[in-house]
Amino acid sequence: VDVPYYCYHPKLTVVGNCRMCLIEMGMPAVDPATKVP
């Protein structure tokens, strides 16, 4: 999968200038009280 970018470089620090590499992100849901999935 190609995620486009401009400012990112694997040998430099991350700054997030260009905003070209936007993605949707999610995490598995768990019950806040019981921690059950």
PDB file of all heavy atoms in Angstrom:
ATOM      1  N   VAL A   1       0.842  -1.188   0.000  1.00  0.00           N
ATOM      2  CA  VAL A   1       0.000   0.000   0.000  1.00  0.00           C
ATOM      3  C   VAL A   1       0.879   1.240   0.000  1.00  0.00           C
ATOM      4  O   VAL A   1       1.771   1.378   0.843  1.00  0.00           O
ATOM      5  CB  VAL A   1      -0.941   0.014   1.228  1.00  0.00           C
ATOM      6  CG1 VAL A   1      -1.711   1.332   1.306  1.00  0.00           C
ATOM      7  CG2 VAL A   1      -1.904  -1.163   1.165  1.00  0.00           C
ATOM      8  N   ASP A   2       0.644   2.142  -0.932  1.00  0.00           N
ATOM      9  CA  ASP A   2       1.414   3.375  -1.031  1.00  0.00           C
ATOM     10  C   ASP A   2       0.702   4.482  -0.276  1.00  0.00           C
ATOM     11  O   ASP A   2      -0.425   4.850  -0.613  1.00  0.00           O
ATOM     12  CB  ASP A   2       1.592   3.771  -2.492  1.00  0.00           C
ATOM     13  CG  ASP A   2       2.308   5.113  -2.636  1.00  0.00           C
ATOM     14  OD1 ASP A   2       3.350   5.289  -1.972  1.00  0.00           O
ATOM     15  OD2 ASP A   2       1.827   5.972  -3.396  1.00  0.00           O
ATOM     16  N   VAL A   3       1.356   5.004   0.750  1.00  0.00           N
ATOM     17  CA  VAL A   3       0.855   6.172   1.462  1.00  0.00           C
ATOM     18  C   VAL A   3       1.707   7.355   0.995  1.00  0.00           C
ATOM     19  O   VAL A   3       2.898   7.414   1.293  1.00  0.00           O
ATOM     20  CB  VAL A   3       0.955   6.006   2.989  1.00  0.00           C
ATOM     21  CG1 VAL A   3       0.515   7.284   3.694  1.00  0.00           C
ATOM     22  CG2 VAL A   3       0.108   4.826   3.455  1.00  0.00           C
ATOM     23  N   PRO A   4       1.140   8.299   0.266  1.00  0.00           N
ATOM     24  CA  PRO A   4       1.946   9.403  -0.284  1.00  0.00           C
ATOM     25  C   PRO A   4       2.443  10.336   0.817  1.00  0.00           C
ATOM     26  O   PRO A   4       1.799  10.495   1.856  1.00  0.00           O
ATOM     27  CB  PRO A   4       0.972  10.116  -1.211  1.00  0.00           C
ATOM     28  CG  PRO A   4      -0.386   9.817  -0.646  1.00  0.00           C
ATOM     29  CD  PRO A   4      -0.289   8.420  -0.092  1.00  0.00           C
ATOM     30  N   TYR A   5       3.575  10.969   0.584  1.00  0.00           N
ATOM     31  CA  TYR A   5       4.134  11.903   1.560  1.00  0.00           C
ATOM     32  C   TYR A   5       5.134  12.808   0.860  1.00  0.00           C
ATOM     33  O   TYR A   5       5.612  12.518  -0.241  1.00  0.00           O
ATOM     34  CB  TYR A   5       4.819  11.151   2.708  1.00  0.00           C
ATOM     35  CG  TYR A   5       5.948  10.249   2.268  1.00  0.00           C
ATOM     36  CD1 TYR A   5       7.253  10.722   2.134  1.00  0.00           C
ATOM     37  CD2 TYR A   5       5.719   8.900   1.972  1.00  0.00           C
ATOM     38  CE1 TYR A   5       8.288   9.904   1.715  1.00  0.00           C
ATOM     39  CE2 TYR A   5       6.750   8.072   1.547  1.00  0.00           C
ATOM     40  CZ  TYR A   5       8.025   8.575   1.426  1.00  0.00           C
ATOM     41  OH  TYR A   5       9.052   7.766   1.004  1.00  0.00           O
ATOM     42  N   TYR A   6       5.475  13.901   1.524  1.00  0.00           N
ATOM     43  CA  TYR A   6       6.516  14.815   1.065  1.00  0.00           C
ATOM     44  C   TYR A   6       7.567  15.062   2.150  1.00  0.00           C
ATOM     45  O   TYR A   6       8.760  14.973   1.910  1.00  0.00           O
ATOM     46  CB  TYR A   6       5.923  16.168   0.636  1.00  0.00           C
ATOM     47  CG  TYR A   6       5.056  16.092  -0.585  1.00  0.00           C
ATOM     48  CD1 TYR A   6       3.675  16.287  -0.490  1.00  0.00           C
ATOM     49  CD2 TYR A   6       5.589  15.832  -1.841  1.00  0.00           C
ATOM     50  CE1 TYR A   6       2.865  16.218  -1.616  1.00  0.00           C
ATOM     51  CE2 TYR A   6       4.784  15.759  -2.963  1.00  0.00           C
ATOM     52  CZ  TYR A   6       3.427  15.954  -2.845  1.00  0.00           C
ATOM     53  OH  TYR A   6       2.632  15.884  -3.952  1.00  0.00           O
ATOM     54  N   CYS A   7       7.127  15.413   3.338  1.00  0.00           N
ATOM     55  CA  CYS A   7       8.079  15.843   4.360  1.00  0.00           C
ATOM     56  C   CYS A   7       8.738  14.671   5.076  1.00  0.00           C
ATOM     57  O   CYS A   7       9.831  14.807   5.617  1.00  0.00           O
ATOM     58  CB  CYS A   7       7.399  16.763   5.378  1.00  0.00           C
ATOM     59  SG  CYS A   7       6.137  15.956   6.399  1.00  0.00           S
ATOM     60  N   TYR A   8       8.094  13.505   5.092  1.00  0.00           N
ATOM     61  CA  TYR A   8       8.659  12.350   5.789  1.00  0.00           C
ATOM     62  C   TYR A   8       9.922  11.860   5.087  1.00  0.00           C
ATOM     63  O   TYR A   8       9.994  11.824   3.855  1.00  0.00           O
ATOM     64  CB  TYR A   8       7.628  11.221   5.853  1.00  0.00           C
ATOM     65  CG  TYR A   8       8.201   9.896   6.298  1.00  0.00           C
ATOM     66  CD1 TYR A   8       8.517   9.673   7.635  1.00  0.00           C
ATOM     67  CD2 TYR A   8       8.431   8.874   5.379  1.00  0.00           C
ATOM     68  CE1 TYR A   8       9.054   8.455   8.047  1.00  0.00           C
ATOM     69  CE2 TYR A   8       8.960   7.661   5.777  1.00  0.00           C
ATOM     70  CZ  TYR A   8       9.277   7.456   7.113  1.00  0.00           C
ATOM     71  OH  TYR A   8       9.821   6.265   7.512  1.00  0.00           O
ATOM     72  N   HIS A   9      10.934  11.503   5.871  1.00  0.00           N
ATOM     73  CA  HIS A   9      12.129  10.839   5.354  1.00  0.00           C
ATOM     74  C   HIS A   9      12.569   9.822   6.400  1.00  0.00           C
ATOM     75  O   HIS A   9      12.619  10.138   7.602  1.00  0.00           O
ATOM     76  CB  HIS A   9      13.254  11.850   5.094  1.00  0.00           C
ATOM     77  CG  HIS A   9      14.409  11.267   4.335  1.00  0.00           C
ATOM     78  ND1 HIS A   9      15.374  10.470   4.927  1.00  0.00           N
ATOM     79  CD2 HIS A   9      14.743  11.353   3.013  1.00  0.00           C
ATOM     80  CE1 HIS A   9      16.257  10.098   4.008  1.00  0.00           C
ATOM     81  NE2 HIS A   9      15.901  10.616   2.849  1.00  0.00           N
ATOM     82  N   PRO A  10      12.880   8.597   5.992  1.00  0.00           N
ATOM     83  CA  PRO A  10      13.167   7.543   6.979  1.00  0.00           C
ATOM     84  C   PRO A  10      14.376   7.818   7.859  1.00  0.00           C
ATOM     85  O   PRO A  10      14.515   7.198   8.916  1.00  0.00           O
ATOM     86  CB  PRO A  10      13.383   6.295   6.109  1.00  0.00           C
ATOM     87  CG  PRO A  10      13.686   6.813   4.737  1.00  0.00           C
ATOM     88  CD  PRO A  10      12.925   8.089   4.611  1.00  0.00           C
ATOM     89  N   LYS A  11      15.267   8.727   7.450  1.00  0.00           N
ATOM     90  CA  LYS A  11      16.472   9.004   8.227  1.00  0.00           C
ATOM     91  C   LYS A  11      16.417  10.337   8.969  1.00  0.00           C
ATOM     92  O   LYS A  11      17.418  10.752   9.549  1.00  0.00           O
ATOM     93  CB  LYS A  11      17.706   8.974   7.316  1.00  0.00           C
ATOM     94  CG  LYS A  11      17.907   7.650   6.599  1.00  0.00           C
ATOM     95  CD  LYS A  11      18.063   6.489   7.569  1.00  0.00           C
ATOM     96  CE  LYS A  11      18.221   5.167   6.826  1.00  0.00           C
ATOM     97  NZ  LYS A  11      18.343   4.029   7.763  1.00  0.00           N
ATOM     98  N   LEU A  12      15.267  10.999   8.942  1.00  0.00           N
ATOM     99  CA  LEU A  12      15.124  12.283   9.621  1.00  0.00           C
ATOM    100  C   LEU A  12      13.962  12.217  10.610  1.00  0.00           C
ATOM    101  O   LEU A  12      13.123  11.310  10.545  1.00  0.00           O
ATOM    102  CB  LEU A  12      14.867  13.395   8.595  1.00  0.00           C
ATOM    103  CG  LEU A  12      15.928  13.603   7.519  1.00  0.00           C
ATOM    104  CD1 LEU A  12      15.464  14.647   6.510  1.00  0.00           C
ATOM    105  CD2 LEU A  12      17.263  14.000   8.140  1.00  0.00           C
ATOM    106  N   THR A  13      13.921  13.178  11.516  1.00  0.00           N
ATOM    107  CA  THR A  13      12.832  13.221  12.485  1.00  0.00           C
ATOM    108  C   THR A  13      11.514  13.522  11.785  1.00  0.00           C
ATOM    109  O   THR A  13      11.470  14.092  10.699  1.00  0.00           O
ATOM    110  CB  THR A  13      13.090  14.295  13.552  1.00  0.00           C
ATOM    111  OG1 THR A  13      13.294  15.551  12.901  1.00  0.00           O
ATOM    112  CG2 THR A  13      14.296  13.958  14.399  1.00  0.00           C
ATOM    113  N   VAL A  14      10.429  13.143  12.445  1.00  0.00           N
ATOM    114  CA  VAL A  14       9.088  13.359  11.907  1.00  0.00           C
ATOM    115  C   VAL A  14       8.589  14.737  12.336  1.00  0.00           C
ATOM    116  O   VAL A  14       8.682  15.108  13.506  1.00  0.00           O
ATOM    117  CB  VAL A  14       8.124  12.267  12.401  1.00  0.00           C
ATOM    118  CG1 VAL A  14       6.686  12.604  12.033  1.00  0.00           C
ATOM    119  CG2 VAL A  14       8.523  10.911  11.823  1.00  0.00           C
ATOM    120  N   VAL A  15       8.073  15.507  11.370  1.00  0.00           N
ATOM    121  CA  VAL A  15       7.522  16.823  11.695  1.00  0.00           C
ATOM    122  C   VAL A  15       6.067  16.982  11.269  1.00  0.00           C
ATOM    123  O   VAL A  15       5.345  17.818  11.808  1.00  0.00           O
ATOM    124  CB  VAL A  15       8.366  17.953  11.067  1.00  0.00           C
ATOM    125  CG1 VAL A  15       9.722  18.046  11.711  1.00  0.00           C
ATOM    126  CG2 VAL A  15       8.479  17.771   9.563  1.00  0.00           C
ATOM    127  N   GLY A  16       5.619  16.207  10.306  1.00  0.00           N
ATOM    128  CA  GLY A  16       4.219  16.281   9.892  1.00  0.00           C
ATOM    129  C   GLY A  16       3.851  17.579   9.207  1.00  0.00           C
ATOM    130  O   GLY A  16       2.737  18.086   9.376  1.00  0.00           O
ATOM    131  N   ASN A  17       4.758  18.129   8.398  1.00  0.00           N
ATOM    132  CA  ASN A  17       4.487  19.409   7.741  1.00  0.00           C
ATOM    133  C   ASN A  17       3.465  19.312   6.618  1.00  0.00           C
ATOM    134  O   ASN A  17       2.598  20.167   6.479  1.00  0.00           O
ATOM    135  CB  ASN A  17       5.782  19.986   7.153  1.00  0.00           C
ATOM    136  CG  ASN A  17       6.654  20.640   8.197  1.00  0.00           C
ATOM    137  OD1 ASN A  17       6.373  20.569   9.376  1.00  0.00           O
ATOM    138  ND2 ASN A  17       7.726  21.275   7.753  1.00  0.00           N
ATOM    139  N   CYS A  18       3.578  18.292   5.786  1.00  0.00           N
ATOM    140  CA  CYS A  18       2.871  18.326   4.505  1.00  0.00           C
ATOM    141  C   CYS A  18       1.427  17.852   4.595  1.00  0.00           C
ATOM    142  O   CYS A  18       0.610  18.223   3.751  1.00  0.00           O
ATOM    143  CB  CYS A  18       3.635  17.514   3.457  1.00  0.00           C
ATOM    144  SG  CYS A  18       3.609  15.723   3.720  1.00  0.00           S
ATOM    145  N   ARG A  19       1.101  16.988   5.554  1.00  0.00           N
ATOM    146  CA  ARG A  19      -0.247  16.444   5.773  1.00  0.00           C
ATOM    147  C   ARG A  19      -0.715  15.581   4.598  1.00  0.00           C
ATOM    148  O   ARG A  19      -1.907  15.313   4.463  1.00  0.00           O
ATOM    149  CB  ARG A  19      -1.274  17.542   6.028  1.00  0.00           C
ATOM    150  CG  ARG A  19      -0.821  18.695   6.884  1.00  0.00           C
ATOM    151  CD  ARG A  19      -0.235  18.258   8.211  1.00  0.00           C
ATOM    152  NE  ARG A  19      -1.208  17.769   9.162  1.00  0.00           N
ATOM    153  CZ  ARG A  19      -0.908  17.366  10.397  1.00  0.00           C
ATOM    154  NH1 ARG A  19       0.355  17.377  10.797  1.00  0.00           N
ATOM    155  NH2 ARG A  19      -1.834  16.923  11.215  1.00  0.00           N
ATOM    156  N   MET A  20       0.199  15.132   3.774  1.00  0.00           N
ATOM    157  CA  MET A  20      -0.187  14.322   2.619  1.00  0.00           C
ATOM    158  C   MET A  20      -0.437  12.865   3.011  1.00  0.00           C
ATOM    159  O   MET A  20      -1.147  12.152   2.315  1.00  0.00           O
ATOM    160  CB  MET A  20       0.909  14.402   1.554  1.00  0.00           C
ATOM    161  CG  MET A  20       0.539  13.810   0.210  1.00  0.00           C
ATOM    162  SD  MET A  20      -0.776  14.735  -0.579  1.00  0.00           S
ATOM    163  CE  MET A  20      -1.138  13.701  -1.988  1.00  0.00           C
ATOM    164  N   CYS A  21       0.140  12.429   4.124  1.00  0.00           N
ATOM    165  CA  CYS A  21       0.076  11.009   4.489  1.00  0.00           C
ATOM    166  C   CYS A  21      -1.092  10.704   5.427  1.00  0.00           C
ATOM    167  O   CYS A  21      -1.004   9.787   6.253  1.00  0.00           O
ATOM    168  CB  CYS A  21       1.396  10.576   5.128  1.00  0.00           C
ATOM    169  SG  CYS A  21       1.782  11.438   6.672  1.00  0.00           S
ATOM    170  N   LEU A  22      -2.182  11.444   5.312  1.00  0.00           N
ATOM    171  CA  LEU A  22      -3.324  11.247   6.207  1.00  0.00           C
ATOM    172  C   LEU A  22      -3.936   9.857   6.038  1.00  0.00           C
ATOM    173  O   LEU A  22      -4.058   9.336   4.923  1.00  0.00           O
ATOM    174  CB  LEU A  22      -4.378  12.324   5.936  1.00  0.00           C
ATOM    175  CG  LEU A  22      -3.987  13.742   6.358  1.00  0.00           C
ATOM    176  CD1 LEU A  22      -4.995  14.743   5.832  1.00  0.00           C
ATOM    177  CD2 LEU A  22      -3.873  13.840   7.879  1.00  0.00           C
ATOM    178  N   ILE A  23      -4.317   9.270   7.154  1.00  0.00           N
ATOM    179  CA  ILE A  23      -4.938   7.947   7.193  1.00  0.00           C
ATOM    180  C   ILE A  23      -6.065   7.971   8.213  1.00  0.00           C
ATOM    181  O   ILE A  23      -6.139   8.848   9.074  1.00  0.00           O
ATOM    182  CB  ILE A  23      -3.919   6.857   7.594  1.00  0.00           C
ATOM    183  CG1 ILE A  23      -3.307   7.196   8.968  1.00  0.00           C
ATOM    184  CG2 ILE A  23      -2.851   6.677   6.524  1.00  0.00           C
ATOM    185  CD1 ILE A  23      -2.436   6.114   9.550  1.00  0.00           C
ATOM    186  N   GLU A  24      -6.951   7.011   8.119  1.00  0.00           N
ATOM    187  CA  GLU A  24      -7.944   6.791   9.172  1.00  0.00           C
ATOM    188  C   GLU A  24      -7.388   5.741  10.128  1.00  0.00           C
ATOM    189  O   GLU A  24      -6.791   4.749   9.697  1.00  0.00           O
ATOM    190  CB  GLU A  24      -9.270   6.320   8.587  1.00  0.00           C
ATOM    191  CG  GLU A  24     -10.089   7.417   7.945  1.00  0.00           C
ATOM    192  CD  GLU A  24     -11.520   6.975   7.701  1.00  0.00           C
ATOM    193  OE1 GLU A  24     -12.250   6.723   8.689  1.00  0.00           O
ATOM    194  OE2 GLU A  24     -11.905   6.880   6.523  1.00  0.00           O
ATOM    195  N   MET A  25      -7.575   5.963  11.412  1.00  0.00           N
ATOM    196  CA  MET A  25      -6.992   5.080  12.413  1.00  0.00           C
ATOM    197  C   MET A  25      -8.053   4.668  13.428  1.00  0.00           C
ATOM    198  O   MET A  25      -8.912   5.481  13.818  1.00  0.00           O
ATOM    199  CB  MET A  25      -5.840   5.792  13.123  1.00  0.00           C
ATOM    200  CG  MET A  25      -5.056   4.911  14.084  1.00  0.00           C
ATOM    201  SD  MET A  25      -3.680   5.802  14.829  1.00  0.00           S
ATOM    202  CE  MET A  25      -4.534   6.787  16.051  1.00  0.00           C
ATOM    203  N   GLY A  26      -7.999   3.412  13.846  1.00  0.00           N
ATOM    204  CA  GLY A  26      -8.925   2.918  14.857  1.00  0.00           C
ATOM    205  C   GLY A  26      -8.273   1.856  15.720  1.00  0.00           C
ATOM    206  O   GLY A  26      -7.255   1.271  15.343  1.00  0.00           O
ATOM    207  N   MET A  27      -8.874   1.633  16.893  1.00  0.00           N
ATOM    208  CA  MET A  27      -8.375   0.615  17.817  1.00  0.00           C
ATOM    209  C   MET A  27      -9.514  -0.307  18.216  1.00  0.00           C
ATOM    210  O   MET A  27     -10.688   0.104  18.240  1.00  0.00           O
ATOM    211  CB  MET A  27      -7.783   1.271  19.064  1.00  0.00           C
ATOM    212  CG  MET A  27      -6.515   2.062  18.819  1.00  0.00           C
ATOM    213  SD  MET A  27      -5.127   1.040  18.285  1.00  0.00           S
ATOM    214  CE  MET A  27      -4.778   0.115  19.792  1.00  0.00           C
ATOM    215  N   PRO A  28      -9.204  -1.577  18.527  1.00  0.00           N
ATOM    216  CA  PRO A  28     -10.254  -2.502  18.968  1.00  0.00           C
ATOM    217  C   PRO A  28     -10.975  -1.962  20.204  1.00  0.00           C
ATOM    218  O   PRO A  28     -10.352  -1.456  21.135  1.00  0.00           O
ATOM    219  CB  PRO A  28      -9.479  -3.793  19.280  1.00  0.00           C
ATOM    220  CG  PRO A  28      -8.225  -3.682  18.468  1.00  0.00           C
ATOM    221  CD  PRO A  28      -7.890  -2.230  18.437  1.00  0.00           C
ATOM    222  N   ALA A  29     -12.302  -2.055  20.182  1.00  0.00           N
ATOM    223  CA  ALA A  29     -13.110  -1.511  21.275  1.00  0.00           C
ATOM    224  C   ALA A  29     -13.150  -2.485  22.454  1.00  0.00           C
ATOM    225  O   ALA A  29     -13.259  -3.699  22.268  1.00  0.00           O
ATOM    226  CB  ALA A  29     -14.525  -1.234  20.786  1.00  0.00           C
ATOM    227  N   VAL A  30     -13.052  -1.936  23.667  1.00  0.00           N
ATOM    228  CA  VAL A  30     -13.196  -2.721  24.893  1.00  0.00           C
ATOM    229  C   VAL A  30     -14.128  -1.974  25.836  1.00  0.00           C
ATOM    230  O   VAL A  30     -14.246  -0.742  25.780  1.00  0.00           O
ATOM    231  CB  VAL A  30     -11.842  -2.968  25.582  1.00  0.00           C
ATOM    232  CG1 VAL A  30     -10.936  -3.830  24.731  1.00  0.00           C
ATOM    233  CG2 VAL A  30     -11.168  -1.660  25.938  1.00  0.00           C
ATOM    234  N   ASP A  31     -14.829  -2.715  26.665  1.00  0.00           N
ATOM    235  CA  ASP A  31     -15.702  -2.097  27.650  1.00  0.00           C
ATOM    236  C   ASP A  31     -14.862  -1.353  28.680  1.00  0.00           C
ATOM    237  O   ASP A  31     -13.936  -1.944  29.254  1.00  0.00           O
ATOM    238  CB  ASP A  31     -16.549  -3.170  28.350  1.00  0.00           C
ATOM    239  CG  ASP A  31     -17.589  -2.567  29.275  1.00  0.00           C
ATOM    240  OD1 ASP A  31     -17.203  -2.217  30.417  1.00  0.00           O
ATOM    241  OD2 ASP A  31     -18.737  -2.416  28.853  1.00  0.00           O
ATOM    242  N   PRO A  32     -15.112  -0.053  28.898  1.00  0.00           N
ATOM    243  CA  PRO A  32     -14.267   0.714  29.826  1.00  0.00           C
ATOM    244  C   PRO A  32     -14.242   0.160  31.241  1.00  0.00           C
ATOM    245  O   PRO A  32     -13.234   0.278  31.938  1.00  0.00           O
ATOM    246  CB  PRO A  32     -14.895   2.114  29.807  1.00  0.00           C
ATOM    247  CG  PRO A  32     -15.706   2.165  28.557  1.00  0.00           C
ATOM    248  CD  PRO A  32     -16.155   0.780  28.283  1.00  0.00           C
ATOM    249  N   ALA A  33     -15.333  -0.450  31.634  1.00  0.00           N
ATOM    250  CA  ALA A  33     -15.413  -0.929  33.020  1.00  0.00           C
ATOM    251  C   ALA A  33     -14.801  -2.310  33.179  1.00  0.00           C
ATOM    252  O   ALA A  33     -13.997  -2.556  34.078  1.00  0.00           O
ATOM    253  CB  ALA A  33     -16.866  -0.921  33.483  1.00  0.00           C
ATOM    254  N   THR A  34     -15.179  -3.216  32.280  1.00  0.00           N
ATOM    255  CA  THR A  34     -14.749  -4.615  32.446  1.00  0.00           C
ATOM    256  C   THR A  34     -13.520  -4.973  31.608  1.00  0.00           C
ATOM    257  O   THR A  34     -12.933  -6.032  31.801  1.00  0.00           O
ATOM    258  CB  THR A  34     -15.896  -5.554  32.044  1.00  0.00           C
ATOM    259  OG1 THR A  34     -16.180  -5.369  30.642  1.00  0.00           O
ATOM    260  CG2 THR A  34     -17.157  -5.256  32.862  1.00  0.00           C
ATOM    261  N   LYS A  35     -13.163  -4.106  30.653  1.00  0.00           N
ATOM    262  CA  LYS A  35     -12.045  -4.363  29.729  1.00  0.00           C
ATOM    263  C   LYS A  35     -12.294  -5.564  28.821  1.00  0.00           C
ATOM    264  O   LYS A  35     -11.371  -6.115  28.225  1.00  0.00           O
ATOM    265  CB  LYS A  35     -10.727  -4.562  30.488  1.00  0.00           C
ATOM    266  CG  LYS A  35     -10.382  -3.443  31.460  1.00  0.00           C
ATOM    267  CD  LYS A  35     -10.267  -2.104  30.756  1.00  0.00           C
ATOM    268  CE  LYS A  35      -9.908  -0.984  31.728  1.00  0.00           C
ATOM    269  NZ  LYS A  35      -9.878   0.352  31.086  1.00  0.00           N
ATOM    270  N   VAL A  36     -13.571  -5.954  28.729  1.00  0.00           N
ATOM    271  CA  VAL A  36     -13.927  -7.067  27.846  1.00  0.00           C
ATOM    272  C   VAL A  36     -14.097  -6.539  26.429  1.00  0.00           C
ATOM    273  O   VAL A  36     -14.704  -5.473  26.232  1.00  0.00           O
ATOM    274  CB  VAL A  36     -15.242  -7.729  28.330  1.00  0.00           C
ATOM    275  CG1 VAL A  36     -15.698  -8.813  27.351  1.00  0.00           C
ATOM    276  CG2 VAL A  36     -15.055  -8.320  29.717  1.00  0.00           C
ATOM    277  N   PRO A  37     -13.580  -7.245  25.429  1.00  0.00           N
ATOM    278  CA  PRO A  37     -13.745  -6.789  24.054  1.00  0.00           C
ATOM    279  C   PRO A  37     -15.208  -6.625  23.678  1.00  0.00           C
ATOM    280  O   PRO A  37     -16.060  -7.441  24.043  1.00  0.00           O
ATOM    281  CB  PRO A  37     -13.077  -7.901  23.226  1.00  0.00           C
ATOM    282  CG  PRO A  37     -12.107  -8.536  24.168  1.00  0.00           C
ATOM    283  CD  PRO A  37     -12.744  -8.460  25.518  1.00  0.00           C
TER     284      PRO A  37
END
